[in-house]
Structures are given as structure tokens and as C-alpha cells.
Amino acid sequence: MSAYQQVYSALTTSIINLYLDIPLAYENKGYDPDKNNDQQFIALAILYNEQESLDKMLFDEVTGIFQLSLYTRSGGGVKSSMAKVDAIKNYYKHGLKIVNGSQCVSVVNFGRNGGRNDNGWYVIDMSISFKSDIAR
């Protein structure tokens, strides 16, 4: 498994292991919240920054953002939404190490927006900045 696959797997597995009891919409996979009448779901995306050399021979550092967008049907679920945001914020703290195989991903910080309305959904975007040293 490539380093980028291991980073992706580490991050996606970490949100699954939080057991938030909410459907997850993965990148590049079809997802229809209306099919199951979902009231909430989290859309996952990984946004990579530039890869930088750490040394001449072995490792590069990759940084990025693990973007979690919590969708809640407009008009309800505020208490449930805030509980999920709190659980995510409390887990992805600075210095958290997430390991997948030989790949370690370190959380740098957590941030969130104030929320927005989008086509009948209230959306809270959460950004988890991360870094990982990957072998060449």
C-alpha cells in the first residue's frame, strides 16, 4: 500500500472508530442521503498541500486538511450536531498520532466554520490539519 493510501486509510479509519452513529460519504463514491431518509451525514475529503523533502534520501513531509462536513437537515438536529462536533473536536487534538501500518499521521490543529445553509441542509465544516512523513 502506498504512503498516500496509508494516510487516507488512517484518517478515514479514525473517523469510523469514533462511532458517531452517522452515515459517512466518502470521496468519489456516490452517496444519496434521501435514499435512506438520512437526517445527518458527514462528507469526508482529504486536501493535500505540497510535499516537501525532509532529507535527501528517505523521507518527505506531506501536509493537508482532513475535511469533515457535517450535514444536518435544515430546521432540526442542533443538539445532535453540536454533540458530534464536540466529539470530533475532542478527539482530533493537537499532537494526536493516528497510525496505519507503518504510516503515522499527526494532527496539527482543529478548526470549524460557523455553519451555512445549503439546499435544505445546515452544514458545519471542520478542518483537521495534519502532517505525515512519507517514505520515498
N, C-alpha and C. Protein backbone atom coordinates (compact mmCIF):
# COMPACT_ATOMS: atom_id res chain seq x y z
N MET A 1 0.85 -1.17 0.00
CA MET A 1 0.00 0.00 0.00
C MET A 1 0.90 1.24 0.00
N SER A 2 0.58 2.18 -0.87
CA SER A 2 1.40 3.41 -0.96
C SER A 2 1.20 4.29 0.27
N ALA A 3 2.12 5.22 0.46
CA ALA A 3 2.05 6.13 1.61
C ALA A 3 0.76 6.95 1.59
N TYR A 4 0.37 7.46 0.43
CA TYR A 4 -0.86 8.25 0.36
C TYR A 4 -2.08 7.40 0.69
N GLN A 5 -2.07 6.15 0.27
CA GLN A 5 -3.17 5.24 0.62
C GLN A 5 -3.21 5.01 2.12
N GLN A 6 -2.04 4.87 2.73
CA GLN A 6 -1.99 4.65 4.18
C GLN A 6 -2.46 5.88 4.95
N VAL A 7 -2.10 7.08 4.47
CA VAL A 7 -2.57 8.31 5.11
C VAL A 7 -4.09 8.38 5.00
N TYR A 8 -4.62 8.13 3.80
CA TYR A 8 -6.07 8.14 3.58
C TYR A 8 -6.75 7.13 4.50
N SER A 9 -6.22 5.92 4.54
CA SER A 9 -6.80 4.87 5.36
C SER A 9 -6.75 5.22 6.85
N ALA A 10 -5.63 5.78 7.30
CA ALA A 10 -5.52 6.16 8.70
C ALA A 10 -6.58 7.20 9.08
N LEU A 11 -6.74 8.21 8.24
CA LEU A 11 -7.69 9.28 8.55
C LEU A 11 -9.14 8.79 8.47
N THR A 12 -9.48 8.05 7.43
CA THR A 12 -10.87 7.59 7.32
C THR A 12 -11.21 6.57 8.40
N THR A 13 -10.26 5.72 8.73
CA THR A 13 -10.49 4.76 9.81
C THR A 13 -10.67 5.47 11.14
N SER A 14 -9.95 6.56 11.35
CA SER A 14 -10.07 7.28 12.63
C SER A 14 -11.48 7.82 12.85
N ILE A 15 -12.12 8.33 11.81
CA ILE A 15 -13.48 8.86 11.98
C ILE A 15 -14.48 7.71 12.15
N ILE A 16 -14.24 6.60 11.48
CA ILE A 16 -15.10 5.42 11.67
C ILE A 16 -15.02 4.95 13.12
N ASN A 17 -13.81 4.93 13.66
CA ASN A 17 -13.60 4.43 15.02
C ASN A 17 -14.14 5.35 16.11
N LEU A 18 -14.59 6.55 15.75
CA LEU A 18 -15.24 7.42 16.73
C LEU A 18 -16.66 6.96 17.05
N TYR A 19 -17.22 6.09 16.22
CA TYR A 19 -18.56 5.53 16.44
C TYR A 19 -19.60 6.63 16.70
N LEU A 20 -19.70 7.56 15.76
CA LEU A 20 -20.64 8.66 15.91
C LEU A 20 -22.07 8.29 15.51
N ASP A 21 -22.27 7.08 15.04
CA ASP A 21 -23.60 6.60 14.63
C ASP A 21 -24.23 7.53 13.60
N ILE A 22 -23.46 7.76 12.53
CA ILE A 22 -23.89 8.66 11.46
C ILE A 22 -23.30 8.15 10.15
N PRO A 23 -24.06 8.19 9.06
CA PRO A 23 -23.50 7.74 7.78
C PRO A 23 -22.34 8.64 7.33
N LEU A 24 -21.39 8.02 6.63
CA LEU A 24 -20.24 8.74 6.09
C LEU A 24 -20.29 8.71 4.57
N ALA A 25 -20.04 9.86 3.97
CA ALA A 25 -19.99 9.98 2.50
C ALA A 25 -18.53 10.16 2.11
N TYR A 26 -17.98 9.14 1.47
CA TYR A 26 -16.56 9.14 1.11
C TYR A 26 -16.34 9.83 -0.23
N GLU A 27 -15.10 10.31 -0.42
CA GLU A 27 -14.72 10.92 -1.68
C GLU A 27 -14.91 9.94 -2.83
N ASN A 28 -15.41 10.46 -3.93
CA ASN A 28 -15.52 9.71 -5.18
C ASN A 28 -16.39 8.46 -5.08
N LYS A 29 -17.32 8.46 -4.14
CA LYS A 29 -18.28 7.37 -4.04
C LYS A 29 -19.66 8.00 -3.98
N GLY A 30 -20.57 7.48 -4.75
CA GLY A 30 -21.92 8.01 -4.76
C GLY A 30 -22.58 7.90 -3.40
N TYR A 31 -23.30 8.95 -3.02
CA TYR A 31 -24.00 8.94 -1.75
C TYR A 31 -25.29 9.71 -1.91
N ASP A 32 -26.40 9.11 -1.53
CA ASP A 32 -27.70 9.75 -1.64
C ASP A 32 -28.39 9.72 -0.28
N PRO A 33 -28.35 10.86 0.46
CA PRO A 33 -28.96 10.88 1.79
C PRO A 33 -30.47 10.66 1.77
N ASP A 34 -31.11 10.95 0.65
CA ASP A 34 -32.56 10.77 0.56
C ASP A 34 -32.95 9.30 0.44
N LYS A 35 -32.02 8.47 -0.05
CA LYS A 35 -32.31 7.04 -0.22
C LYS A 35 -32.73 6.39 1.09
N ASN A 36 -32.03 6.73 2.18
CA ASN A 36 -32.35 6.16 3.49
C ASN A 36 -33.01 7.18 4.41
N ASN A 37 -33.43 8.31 3.84
CA ASN A 37 -34.03 9.39 4.61
C ASN A 37 -33.12 9.83 5.76
N ASP A 38 -31.82 9.93 5.46
CA ASP A 38 -30.85 10.35 6.47
C ASP A 38 -31.11 11.79 6.90
N GLN A 39 -31.07 12.02 8.20
CA GLN A 39 -31.24 13.35 8.76
C GLN A 39 -29.90 14.05 8.94
N GLN A 40 -28.84 13.24 9.01
CA GLN A 40 -27.48 13.76 9.15
C GLN A 40 -26.52 12.82 8.42
N PHE A 41 -25.42 13.39 7.96
CA PHE A 41 -24.31 12.58 7.47
C PHE A 41 -23.06 13.45 7.47
N ILE A 42 -21.90 12.79 7.39
CA ILE A 42 -20.63 13.51 7.32
C ILE A 42 -19.98 13.18 5.99
N ALA A 43 -19.63 14.22 5.24
CA ALA A 43 -18.88 14.07 4.00
C ALA A 43 -17.39 14.22 4.32
N LEU A 44 -16.57 13.28 3.84
CA LEU A 44 -15.14 13.28 4.10
C LEU A 44 -14.37 13.69 2.86
N ALA A 45 -13.32 14.47 3.05
CA ALA A 45 -12.41 14.81 1.95
C ALA A 45 -11.03 15.04 2.54
N ILE A 46 -10.01 14.68 1.77
CA ILE A 46 -8.64 14.94 2.18
C ILE A 46 -8.02 15.87 1.15
N LEU A 47 -7.57 17.02 1.62
CA LEU A 47 -6.98 18.05 0.76
C LEU A 47 -5.49 18.12 1.08
N TYR A 48 -4.68 17.68 0.14
CA TYR A 48 -3.23 17.66 0.37
C TYR A 48 -2.60 18.98 -0.03
N ASN A 49 -1.58 19.38 0.72
CA ASN A 49 -0.74 20.52 0.36
C ASN A 49 0.47 19.98 -0.39
N GLU A 50 1.47 20.81 -0.54
CA GLU A 50 2.68 20.39 -1.22
C GLU A 50 3.46 19.39 -0.38
N GLN A 51 4.16 18.52 -1.09
CA GLN A 51 5.04 17.56 -0.44
C GLN A 51 6.43 18.18 -0.38
N GLU A 52 7.06 18.16 0.79
CA GLU A 52 8.37 18.79 0.96
C GLU A 52 9.39 17.76 1.42
N SER A 53 10.60 17.89 0.90
CA SER A 53 11.67 16.98 1.28
C SER A 53 12.14 17.25 2.70
N LEU A 54 12.28 16.19 3.48
CA LEU A 54 12.84 16.31 4.82
C LEU A 54 14.34 16.03 4.81
N ASP A 55 14.74 15.16 3.92
CA ASP A 55 16.16 14.86 3.77
C ASP A 55 16.40 14.45 2.32
N LYS A 56 17.63 14.20 1.98
CA LYS A 56 17.96 13.90 0.58
C LYS A 56 17.65 12.47 0.16
N MET A 57 17.46 11.58 1.11
CA MET A 57 17.38 10.18 0.76
C MET A 57 16.06 9.48 1.10
N LEU A 58 15.50 9.72 2.27
CA LEU A 58 14.49 8.80 2.77
C LEU A 58 13.06 9.31 2.83
N PHE A 59 12.86 10.53 3.36
CA PHE A 59 11.51 10.95 3.68
C PHE A 59 11.12 12.30 3.10
N ASP A 60 9.81 12.42 2.85
CA ASP A 60 9.19 13.70 2.52
C ASP A 60 8.09 13.93 3.55
N GLU A 61 7.79 15.20 3.80
CA GLU A 61 6.68 15.53 4.68
C GLU A 61 5.50 15.94 3.81
N VAL A 62 4.36 15.33 4.07
CA VAL A 62 3.14 15.73 3.39
C VAL A 62 2.23 16.35 4.45
N THR A 63 1.62 17.48 4.10
CA THR A 63 0.67 18.14 4.98
C THR A 63 -0.66 18.26 4.26
N GLY A 64 -1.71 18.46 5.02
CA GLY A 64 -3.01 18.61 4.39
C GLY A 64 -4.10 18.88 5.40
N ILE A 65 -5.31 18.81 4.91
CA ILE A 65 -6.50 19.02 5.73
C ILE A 65 -7.44 17.84 5.54
N PHE A 66 -7.85 17.26 6.64
CA PHE A 66 -8.89 16.24 6.65
C PHE A 66 -10.19 17.00 6.88
N GLN A 67 -10.96 17.17 5.82
CA GLN A 67 -12.17 18.00 5.85
C GLN A 67 -13.37 17.12 6.18
N LEU A 68 -14.08 17.46 7.24
CA LEU A 68 -15.30 16.77 7.64
C LEU A 68 -16.43 17.78 7.58
N SER A 69 -17.42 17.51 6.74
CA SER A 69 -18.57 18.40 6.62
C SER A 69 -19.79 17.68 7.17
N LEU A 70 -20.30 18.19 8.30
CA LEU A 70 -21.47 17.60 8.95
C LEU A 70 -22.73 18.23 8.36
N TYR A 71 -23.53 17.42 7.71
CA TYR A 71 -24.79 17.86 7.11
C TYR A 71 -25.95 17.46 8.01
N THR A 72 -26.79 18.43 8.35
CA THR A 72 -28.00 18.18 9.14
C THR A 72 -29.15 18.85 8.41
N ARG A 73 -30.25 18.12 8.26
CA ARG A 73 -31.41 18.72 7.57
C ARG A 73 -31.77 20.03 8.25
N SER A 74 -32.02 21.05 7.44
CA SER A 74 -32.36 22.37 7.97
C SER A 74 -33.59 22.29 8.86
N GLY A 75 -33.54 23.04 9.97
CA GLY A 75 -34.68 23.13 10.86
C GLY A 75 -34.66 22.18 12.04
N GLY A 76 -33.61 21.41 12.21
CA GLY A 76 -33.59 20.49 13.35
C GLY A 76 -32.22 19.92 13.61
N GLY A 77 -32.12 19.17 14.69
CA GLY A 77 -30.91 18.44 15.00
C GLY A 77 -29.75 19.24 15.53
N VAL A 78 -30.00 20.46 16.04
CA VAL A 78 -28.91 21.31 16.52
C VAL A 78 -28.17 20.64 17.68
N LYS A 79 -28.90 20.10 18.64
CA LYS A 79 -28.28 19.47 19.81
C LYS A 79 -27.41 18.28 19.37
N SER A 80 -27.92 17.47 18.47
CA SER A 80 -27.18 16.32 17.96
C SER A 80 -25.96 16.77 17.17
N SER A 81 -26.11 17.82 16.38
CA SER A 81 -24.99 18.34 15.60
C SER A 81 -23.87 18.83 16.51
N MET A 82 -24.22 19.59 17.52
CA MET A 82 -23.20 20.12 18.43
C MET A 82 -22.50 19.00 19.19
N ALA A 83 -23.23 17.96 19.56
CA ALA A 83 -22.62 16.82 20.25
C ALA A 83 -21.60 16.13 19.34
N LYS A 84 -21.92 16.00 18.06
CA LYS A 84 -20.98 15.37 17.12
C LYS A 84 -19.75 16.26 16.88
N VAL A 85 -19.98 17.56 16.74
CA VAL A 85 -18.86 18.49 16.56
C VAL A 85 -17.94 18.43 17.79
N ASP A 86 -18.53 18.42 18.98
CA ASP A 86 -17.73 18.34 20.21
C ASP A 86 -16.93 17.04 20.27
N ALA A 87 -17.55 15.93 19.91
CA ALA A 87 -16.85 14.64 19.93
C ALA A 87 -15.67 14.65 18.96
N ILE A 88 -15.87 15.21 17.78
CA ILE A 88 -14.80 15.28 16.78
C ILE A 88 -13.69 16.21 17.26
N LYS A 89 -14.07 17.38 17.76
CA LYS A 89 -13.08 18.35 18.27
C LYS A 89 -12.27 17.76 19.42
N ASN A 90 -12.94 17.06 20.31
CA ASN A 90 -12.25 16.49 21.47
C ASN A 90 -11.31 15.35 21.09
N TYR A 91 -11.58 14.68 19.99
CA TYR A 91 -10.71 13.58 19.55
C TYR A 91 -9.50 14.09 18.77
N TYR A 92 -9.72 14.97 17.81
CA TYR A 92 -8.65 15.42 16.92
C TYR A 92 -7.91 16.61 17.53
N LYS A 93 -7.21 16.34 18.61
CA LYS A 93 -6.44 17.39 19.30
C LYS A 93 -5.02 17.43 18.77
N HIS A 94 -4.39 18.59 18.92
CA HIS A 94 -3.00 18.76 18.51
C HIS A 94 -2.14 17.65 19.11
N GLY A 95 -1.34 17.03 18.25
CA GLY A 95 -0.41 16.00 18.72
C GLY A 95 -0.94 14.58 18.62
N LEU A 96 -2.25 14.41 18.34
CA LEU A 96 -2.80 13.06 18.19
C LEU A 96 -2.04 12.34 17.08
N LYS A 97 -1.64 11.11 17.35
CA LYS A 97 -0.96 10.27 16.36
C LYS A 97 -1.93 9.19 15.91
N ILE A 98 -2.15 9.12 14.61
CA ILE A 98 -3.02 8.12 14.02
C ILE A 98 -2.13 7.22 13.16
N VAL A 99 -2.13 5.93 13.45
CA VAL A 99 -1.21 5.01 12.78
C VAL A 99 -1.97 4.02 11.92
N ASN A 100 -1.46 3.80 10.72
CA ASN A 100 -1.99 2.78 9.83
C ASN A 100 -0.79 2.05 9.22
N GLY A 101 -0.62 0.81 9.60
CA GLY A 101 0.56 0.07 9.14
C GLY A 101 1.81 0.76 9.65
N SER A 102 2.68 1.12 8.72
CA SER A 102 3.92 1.82 9.11
C SER A 102 3.78 3.33 9.00
N GLN A 103 2.60 3.81 8.63
CA GLN A 103 2.40 5.24 8.41
C GLN A 103 1.79 5.90 9.64
N CYS A 104 2.41 7.00 10.09
CA CYS A 104 1.90 7.76 11.23
C CYS A 104 1.46 9.14 10.72
N VAL A 105 0.25 9.52 11.09
CA VAL A 105 -0.30 10.83 10.74
C VAL A 105 -0.46 11.60 12.05
N SER A 106 0.05 12.83 12.09
CA SER A 106 -0.03 13.66 13.29
C SER A 106 -1.01 14.81 13.07
N VAL A 107 -1.90 15.01 14.03
CA VAL A 107 -2.84 16.12 13.96
C VAL A 107 -2.12 17.39 14.41
N VAL A 108 -2.26 18.45 13.61
CA VAL A 108 -1.64 19.74 13.92
C VAL A 108 -2.64 20.64 14.64
N ASN A 109 -3.87 20.75 14.10
CA ASN A 109 -4.90 21.54 14.77
C ASN A 109 -6.28 21.22 14.22
N PHE A 110 -7.29 21.75 14.89
CA PHE A 110 -8.69 21.56 14.53
C PHE A 110 -9.33 22.94 14.38
N GLY A 111 -10.19 23.08 13.40
CA GLY A 111 -10.96 24.31 13.24
C GLY A 111 -12.32 24.00 12.65
N ARG A 112 -13.25 24.92 12.80
CA ARG A 112 -14.59 24.74 12.23
C ARG A 112 -15.15 26.09 11.80
N ASN A 113 -16.08 26.05 10.88
CA ASN A 113 -16.73 27.29 10.48
C ASN A 113 -17.98 27.51 11.33
N GLY A 114 -18.65 28.61 11.08
CA GLY A 114 -19.85 28.94 11.85
C GLY A 114 -21.10 28.25 11.35
N GLY A 115 -20.99 27.49 10.27
CA GLY A 115 -22.15 26.81 9.70
C GLY A 115 -22.74 27.62 8.55
N ARG A 116 -23.40 26.93 7.65
CA ARG A 116 -24.01 27.56 6.48
C ARG A 116 -25.20 26.72 6.02
N ASN A 117 -26.13 27.35 5.33
CA ASN A 117 -27.26 26.65 4.75
C ASN A 117 -26.98 26.34 3.30
N ASP A 118 -27.31 25.10 2.89
CA ASP A 118 -27.03 24.67 1.53
C ASP A 118 -28.11 23.68 1.07
N ASN A 119 -29.02 24.14 0.24
CA ASN A 119 -30.05 23.28 -0.36
C ASN A 119 -30.80 22.40 0.64
N GLY A 120 -31.32 22.99 1.69
CA GLY A 120 -32.09 22.23 2.67
C GLY A 120 -31.26 21.55 3.75
N TRP A 121 -29.98 21.84 3.78
CA TRP A 121 -29.07 21.26 4.78
C TRP A 121 -28.37 22.38 5.51
N TYR A 122 -28.13 22.18 6.79
CA TYR A 122 -27.25 23.05 7.57
C TYR A 122 -25.91 22.32 7.64
N VAL A 123 -24.85 22.99 7.20
CA VAL A 123 -23.54 22.34 7.06
C VAL A 123 -22.51 23.01 7.97
N ILE A 124 -21.84 22.19 8.77
CA ILE A 124 -20.72 22.66 9.59
C ILE A 124 -19.47 21.99 9.05
N ASP A 125 -18.53 22.80 8.56
CA ASP A 125 -17.27 22.29 8.04
C ASP A 125 -16.23 22.29 9.14
N MET A 126 -15.57 21.16 9.30
CA MET A 126 -14.49 21.02 10.28
C MET A 126 -13.21 20.67 9.54
N SER A 127 -12.14 21.33 9.87
CA SER A 127 -10.86 21.12 9.20
C SER A 127 -9.84 20.62 10.22
N ILE A 128 -9.31 19.45 9.95
CA ILE A 128 -8.27 18.88 10.80
C ILE A 128 -6.97 18.93 10.00
N SER A 129 -6.07 19.84 10.39
CA SER A 129 -4.77 19.94 9.72
C SER A 129 -3.90 18.79 10.21
N PHE A 130 -3.16 18.19 9.26
CA PHE A 130 -2.32 17.06 9.63
C PHE A 130 -0.99 17.13 8.89
N LYS A 131 -0.05 16.31 9.36
CA LYS A 131 1.22 16.13 8.66
C LYS A 131 1.62 14.68 8.82
N SER A 132 2.42 14.22 7.86
CA SER A 132 2.89 12.84 7.90
C SER A 132 4.19 12.76 7.12
N ASP A 133 5.14 12.04 7.66
CA ASP A 133 6.40 11.81 6.95
C ASP A 133 6.23 10.53 6.13
N ILE A 134 6.43 10.66 4.82
CA ILE A 134 6.24 9.50 3.95
C ILE A 134 7.56 9.10 3.33
N ALA A 135 7.75 7.80 3.20
CA ALA A 135 8.96 7.28 2.60
C ALA A 135 8.91 7.48 1.09
N ARG A 136 10.07 7.74 0.53
CA ARG A 136 10.15 7.87 -0.93
C ARG A 136 10.20 6.52 -1.59
